Each structure stands twice: as C-alpha cells, then as structure tokens.
Amino acid sequence: MQLSAIVEALLIASQNPLSSEEIARLVRSRVAEAEDSRARDVEEGREPPALPDWLSALAATSSEHIAAAISELNDSYSQSSRAFTVLERPKGWKLYTRVEYGDFVRQLFPGRKPERMSGPAMETLAIIAYRQPITKAAIEAVRGVACDGMIQKLLDRDLIRIGGRAELPGRPLLYETTDLFFEHFGIRSIDDLPNASELRKVKLPDPEDVKPAADPEQQLALSAIGSPAAAAGSEDDTPSSEA
C-alpha cells in the first residue's frame, strides 16, 4: 500500500484541511495501533502474523514524507487530467477543484454569484493584508480618506476580522485577515503575497500627521440623498468600524 494512496484517502475522508504534521501523526498512529494489537495477541498466547513490511515502514513517516507523497499525487492528477488537485492553505492540505472547471461547479450554487470589490475596498484590504494587525487610523493615514465604510464591508464579507486592541491611547481596534481571505486568494500565508518582505518594511505615514478626508463612496451616497435633513436622518444606517 503506497503512502500517497493513504494520504489521498485521509484527505477525501476529512471535512477539514489536514497539515503535513497531522497526516504523518495519523499514519504513525495506525502503525502503533497495529503493533499494540499484535502485542496483545502474543501476551494472550496467540501467534499473530508479523506486520507487513510496508506497514512497519510507515512507523517513521514524517511531514517531509507527506509533502513528497502529495507531490506524487498532484503529478498523477496532472498526467491523468483529473479535475482536482491538492493545495496547501493556512490550516493544511485539501482537495480542490481546478480553476478551469469553476464555471461548471458554480452551476451547483445558482444563488451565489461572484461579487467584485470596488477599488477602495481592494486598497483597504491590501493595506490590512500587508501590514496586519493594523488600526483604522493607520489605514486612513495611508489612503488619506476615511475607511469606516470599507472596513465594514470587508468585515461583512468575512475577509477581515478584529484581532484585538492596540497598546495605544484609547486602545483602538486591530484588524487582520481571515482564513477566508487566504482561501479566496489562494495563498498559505502573508509571505506568499507579492513583494511581501519589501512592502511590510515600508514606513507608514504617522496617523497623527494625516487628517483623512471623507470616504468618497459615503460622500456620493449623501449627495444622492439630497437634503441635509435627509442625510441627518440616515446617520443610524452609516456603518461604524468601531461597532
């Protein structure tokens, strides 16, 4: 029995991603279970057959062996033109449908249509991704505009989350990306972002030296309302990043 086939069986059966270390542990646990069962048979006077050589060899399975087995699986999938592949994400390895079959798979979910994010939302998400954890004031210092609406949209789409509070006056909220962010953009960690090492070292503007302008999208919404009285009546509907 090949290790790659065992890994494939575990990935298919698991509802959650599995890390290389976890897969290796599961394989070693199966070997230990077989050895314990054989030892009990010997203690009870029975003469069980020796463990198969292939099973005994799996006792030394490591995360490196798992990575090699997954590479072997993906090579096999590619050569046979299979519709899926094994990819690693922050929480581990998982089987995914290949991108070229996405339009067909989407037919299973007719109520869910792809949504495009606006330029300001993408800018805000990029700042958070590269410099997380980061405060709203720091984001606004980079963009030069208020980001309450953009942050709320990203929170609603589960692309970012509140990661705690900064050790600064007022204890402002800190924002960071979620697991869905990594899944959506197909990366394992922040280090996989383009030019991550360089951009994470760039000095950001001091929030105290920058007074952000109003969010352009909020300005447009208020102008569409028409009157100051109507705008005042809509204040309760304006999202706040601190809520």
Protein backbone atom coordinates (compact mmCIF):
# COMPACT_ATOMS: atom_id res chain seq x y z
CA MET A 1 0.00 0.00 0.00
CA GLN A 2 1.50 3.32 -1.06
CA LEU A 3 1.78 6.31 1.26
CA SER A 4 0.34 8.58 -1.44
CA ALA A 5 -2.83 6.46 -1.58
CA ILE A 6 -3.16 6.60 2.21
CA VAL A 7 -2.78 10.37 2.16
CA GLU A 8 -5.41 10.62 -0.58
CA ALA A 9 -7.85 8.53 1.49
CA LEU A 10 -7.34 10.77 4.53
CA LEU A 11 -7.87 13.97 2.53
CA ILE A 12 -11.05 12.63 0.93
CA ALA A 13 -12.48 11.46 4.25
CA SER A 14 -11.64 14.59 6.23
CA GLN A 15 -14.06 17.51 6.20
CA ASN A 16 -11.30 19.88 7.30
CA PRO A 17 -7.84 20.63 5.89
CA LEU A 18 -5.04 18.47 7.30
CA SER A 19 -1.50 19.69 7.91
CA SER A 20 1.51 17.57 6.95
CA GLU A 21 2.27 17.01 10.63
CA GLU A 22 -1.29 15.87 11.35
CA ILE A 23 -1.33 13.43 8.42
CA ALA A 24 2.01 11.99 9.49
CA ARG A 25 0.70 11.58 13.04
CA LEU A 26 -2.40 9.74 11.80
CA VAL A 27 -0.27 7.36 9.75
CA ARG A 28 2.06 6.62 12.66
CA SER A 29 -0.93 6.13 14.96
CA ARG A 30 -2.28 3.42 12.66
CA VAL A 31 1.07 1.60 12.79
CA ALA A 32 1.20 1.90 16.60
CA GLU A 33 -2.36 0.56 16.81
CA ALA A 34 -1.43 -2.48 14.70
CA GLU A 35 1.68 -3.12 16.82
CA ASP A 36 -0.30 -2.88 20.07
CA SER A 37 -2.90 -5.31 18.75
CA ARG A 38 -0.21 -7.80 17.79
CA ALA A 39 1.47 -7.44 21.20
CA ARG A 40 -1.82 -8.22 22.98
CA ASP A 41 -2.25 -11.35 20.86
CA VAL A 42 1.24 -12.50 21.84
CA GLU A 43 0.56 -11.86 25.54
CA GLU A 44 -2.62 -13.96 25.31
CA GLY A 45 -0.74 -16.89 23.84
CA ARG A 46 -1.71 -16.44 20.22
CA GLU A 47 0.80 -16.32 17.37
CA PRO A 48 -0.27 -13.47 15.11
CA PRO A 49 1.49 -12.97 11.79
CA ALA A 50 4.18 -10.34 11.58
CA LEU A 51 3.17 -6.88 10.39
CA PRO A 52 3.57 -6.36 6.64
CA ASP A 53 6.83 -4.68 5.70
CA TRP A 54 5.02 -1.75 4.08
CA LEU A 55 3.09 -1.08 7.31
CA SER A 56 6.17 -1.31 9.53
CA ALA A 57 7.97 1.14 7.24
CA LEU A 58 5.27 3.73 7.85
CA ALA A 59 6.27 3.97 11.52
CA ALA A 60 8.92 6.54 10.55
CA THR A 61 6.56 8.71 8.48
CA SER A 62 7.41 12.42 8.73
CA SER A 63 5.92 15.63 7.39
CA GLU A 64 8.59 15.57 4.65
CA HIS A 65 7.34 12.16 3.53
CA ILE A 66 3.80 13.54 3.42
CA ALA A 67 4.85 16.51 1.29
CA ALA A 68 6.59 14.16 -1.14
CA ALA A 69 3.51 11.90 -1.29
CA ILE A 70 1.26 14.89 -2.04
CA SER A 71 3.62 16.00 -4.80
CA GLU A 72 3.37 12.49 -6.22
CA LEU A 73 -0.43 12.68 -6.06
CA ASN A 74 -0.53 16.02 -7.87
CA ASP A 75 1.80 14.71 -10.59
CA SER A 76 -0.54 11.76 -11.05
CA TYR A 77 -3.60 14.02 -11.19
CA SER A 78 -1.94 16.26 -13.77
CA GLN A 79 -0.83 13.38 -16.00
CA SER A 80 -4.30 11.83 -15.96
CA SER A 81 -6.05 15.22 -16.46
CA ARG A 82 -8.05 14.93 -13.26
CA ALA A 83 -10.41 17.78 -12.34
CA PHE A 84 -8.93 18.30 -8.88
CA THR A 85 -5.62 18.91 -7.13
CA VAL A 86 -4.25 19.06 -3.58
CA LEU A 87 -3.37 22.53 -2.33
CA GLU A 88 -1.96 23.77 0.96
CA ARG A 89 -3.68 26.57 2.84
CA PRO A 90 -3.03 28.05 6.30
CA LYS A 91 -4.85 25.18 8.04
CA GLY A 92 -3.37 22.42 5.92
CA TRP A 93 -3.84 20.38 2.73
CA LYS A 94 -7.17 19.92 1.00
CA LEU A 95 -8.57 18.66 -2.31
CA TYR A 96 -9.75 21.46 -4.59
CA THR A 97 -11.45 21.56 -7.98
CA ARG A 98 -9.18 23.01 -10.65
CA VAL A 99 -9.88 26.59 -11.66
CA GLU A 100 -10.75 25.68 -15.25
CA TYR A 101 -13.78 23.71 -14.02
CA GLY A 102 -15.05 26.52 -11.79
CA ASP A 103 -17.75 27.70 -14.20
CA PHE A 104 -19.31 24.24 -14.20
CA VAL A 105 -19.11 23.80 -10.42
CA ARG A 106 -20.72 27.22 -9.97
CA GLN A 107 -23.90 25.80 -11.50
CA LEU A 108 -24.38 23.87 -8.26
CA PHE A 109 -24.85 27.20 -6.49
CA PRO A 110 -27.16 29.27 -8.70
CA GLY A 111 -27.96 31.69 -5.90
CA ARG A 112 -24.33 32.65 -5.35
CA LYS A 113 -22.86 34.95 -7.96
CA PRO A 114 -19.29 36.27 -7.97
CA GLU A 115 -19.03 39.74 -6.49
CA ARG A 116 -16.38 42.22 -7.49
CA MET A 117 -14.95 44.51 -4.85
CA SER A 118 -14.55 48.20 -5.53
CA GLY A 119 -11.13 49.81 -5.90
CA PRO A 120 -11.29 51.48 -2.45
CA ALA A 121 -12.24 48.16 -0.83
CA MET A 122 -9.32 46.40 -2.52
CA GLU A 123 -6.95 49.16 -1.45
CA THR A 124 -8.13 48.89 2.16
CA LEU A 125 -7.86 45.09 2.08
CA ALA A 126 -4.33 45.26 0.63
CA ILE A 127 -3.16 47.61 3.40
CA ILE A 128 -4.60 45.33 6.07
CA ALA A 129 -3.14 42.22 4.44
CA TYR A 130 0.39 43.57 4.18
CA ARG A 131 0.57 45.43 7.49
CA GLN A 132 -1.67 43.40 9.81
CA PRO A 133 -2.51 43.77 12.58
CA ILE A 134 -3.26 47.42 11.89
CA THR A 135 -5.52 50.14 13.29
CA LYS A 136 -8.14 52.08 11.35
CA ALA A 137 -6.19 55.29 11.89
CA ALA A 138 -3.10 53.76 10.28
CA ILE A 139 -5.17 52.56 7.31
CA GLU A 140 -6.66 56.01 6.86
CA ALA A 141 -3.21 57.61 7.08
CA VAL A 142 -2.09 55.51 4.11
CA ARG A 143 -5.23 56.03 2.00
CA GLY A 144 -5.82 59.63 3.01
CA VAL A 145 -9.59 59.10 3.35
CA ALA A 146 -11.95 57.77 6.00
CA CYS A 147 -12.27 53.96 5.80
CA ASP A 148 -15.22 53.19 8.05
CA GLY A 149 -17.43 52.01 5.19
CA MET A 150 -14.72 49.97 3.51
CA ILE A 151 -13.73 48.24 6.75
CA GLN A 152 -17.36 47.39 7.49
CA LYS A 153 -17.80 45.89 4.01
CA LEU A 154 -14.71 43.73 4.46
CA LEU A 155 -15.92 42.62 7.90
CA ASP A 156 -19.33 41.73 6.44
CA ARG A 157 -17.66 39.62 3.73
CA ASP A 158 -15.51 37.85 6.35
CA LEU A 159 -12.29 38.86 4.61
CA ILE A 160 -11.01 40.66 7.72
CA ARG A 161 -11.70 40.39 11.43
CA ILE A 162 -10.96 42.24 14.64
CA GLY A 163 -7.76 40.76 16.02
CA GLY A 164 -7.60 42.61 19.34
CA ARG A 165 -6.73 46.08 20.56
CA ALA A 166 -3.53 48.08 20.14
CA GLU A 167 -1.48 49.18 23.14
CA LEU A 168 -2.16 52.82 22.26
CA PRO A 169 -4.22 55.59 23.86
CA GLY A 170 -7.87 54.66 23.55
CA ARG A 171 -6.99 51.02 22.81
CA PRO A 172 -8.06 51.17 19.11
CA LEU A 173 -9.17 48.00 17.35
CA LEU A 174 -6.67 45.99 15.32
CA TYR A 175 -7.71 44.44 12.00
CA GLU A 176 -6.29 41.35 10.33
CA THR A 177 -7.21 38.98 7.51
CA THR A 178 -9.26 35.81 8.00
CA ASP A 179 -8.86 32.23 6.82
CA LEU A 180 -11.39 33.00 4.08
CA PHE A 181 -9.02 35.67 2.77
CA PHE A 182 -6.30 33.06 2.28
CA GLU A 183 -8.78 30.64 0.70
CA HIS A 184 -10.16 33.31 -1.63
CA PHE A 185 -6.78 34.45 -2.90
CA GLY A 186 -5.20 31.00 -2.91
CA ILE A 187 -2.24 31.67 -0.59
CA ARG A 188 -0.93 29.96 2.52
CA SER A 189 0.43 32.96 4.44
CA ILE A 190 1.19 36.66 4.18
CA ASP A 191 4.66 35.76 2.92
CA ASP A 192 3.04 34.47 -0.29
CA LEU A 193 1.77 37.94 -1.18
CA PRO A 194 3.72 39.71 -3.99
CA ASN A 195 6.75 41.61 -2.65
CA ALA A 196 5.60 40.90 0.90
CA SER A 197 9.03 41.23 2.55
CA GLU A 198 9.69 44.63 0.96
CA LEU A 199 6.24 46.15 1.42
CA ARG A 200 5.98 45.10 5.05
CA LYS A 201 9.13 47.13 5.79
CA VAL A 202 7.93 50.38 4.18
CA LYS A 203 7.40 53.08 6.79
CA LEU A 204 3.75 54.11 7.01
CA PRO A 205 2.60 57.74 7.50
CA ASP A 206 2.02 58.78 11.09
CA PRO A 207 -1.77 58.82 11.69
CA GLU A 208 -1.39 61.94 13.84
CA ASP A 209 0.06 63.87 10.90
CA VAL A 210 -2.74 62.97 8.48
CA LYS A 211 -6.34 64.14 8.64
CA PRO A 212 -8.33 61.79 6.34
CA ALA A 213 -10.93 63.20 4.01
CA ALA A 214 -14.45 61.80 3.91
CA ASP A 215 -14.90 58.43 2.24
CA PRO A 216 -15.71 59.14 -1.46
CA GLU A 217 -18.42 56.46 -1.53
CA GLN A 218 -20.08 57.94 1.56
CA GLN A 219 -19.90 61.43 0.02
CA LEU A 220 -21.63 60.11 -3.10
CA ALA A 221 -24.34 58.44 -1.03
CA LEU A 222 -25.02 61.59 0.96
CA SER A 223 -25.16 63.75 -2.16
CA ALA A 224 -27.71 61.33 -3.63
CA ILE A 225 -29.95 61.75 -0.59
CA GLY A 226 -30.36 65.42 -1.40
CA SER A 227 -31.06 67.46 1.71
CA PRO A 228 -29.08 67.89 4.96
CA ALA A 229 -32.18 66.87 6.90
CA ALA A 230 -32.46 63.61 4.98
CA ALA A 231 -28.76 63.00 5.47
CA ALA A 232 -29.15 63.53 9.20
CA GLY A 233 -31.99 61.02 9.22
CA SER A 234 -29.71 58.35 7.72
CA GLU A 235 -26.94 58.59 10.31
CA ASP A 236 -28.14 55.46 12.11
CA ASP A 237 -27.61 53.45 8.93
CA THR A 238 -23.99 54.55 8.48
CA PRO A 239 -21.72 51.66 9.45
CA SER A 240 -19.03 52.28 12.02
CA SER A 241 -15.83 50.28 12.14
CA GLU A 242 -15.77 50.55 15.91
CA ALA A 243 -19.25 48.98 16.29
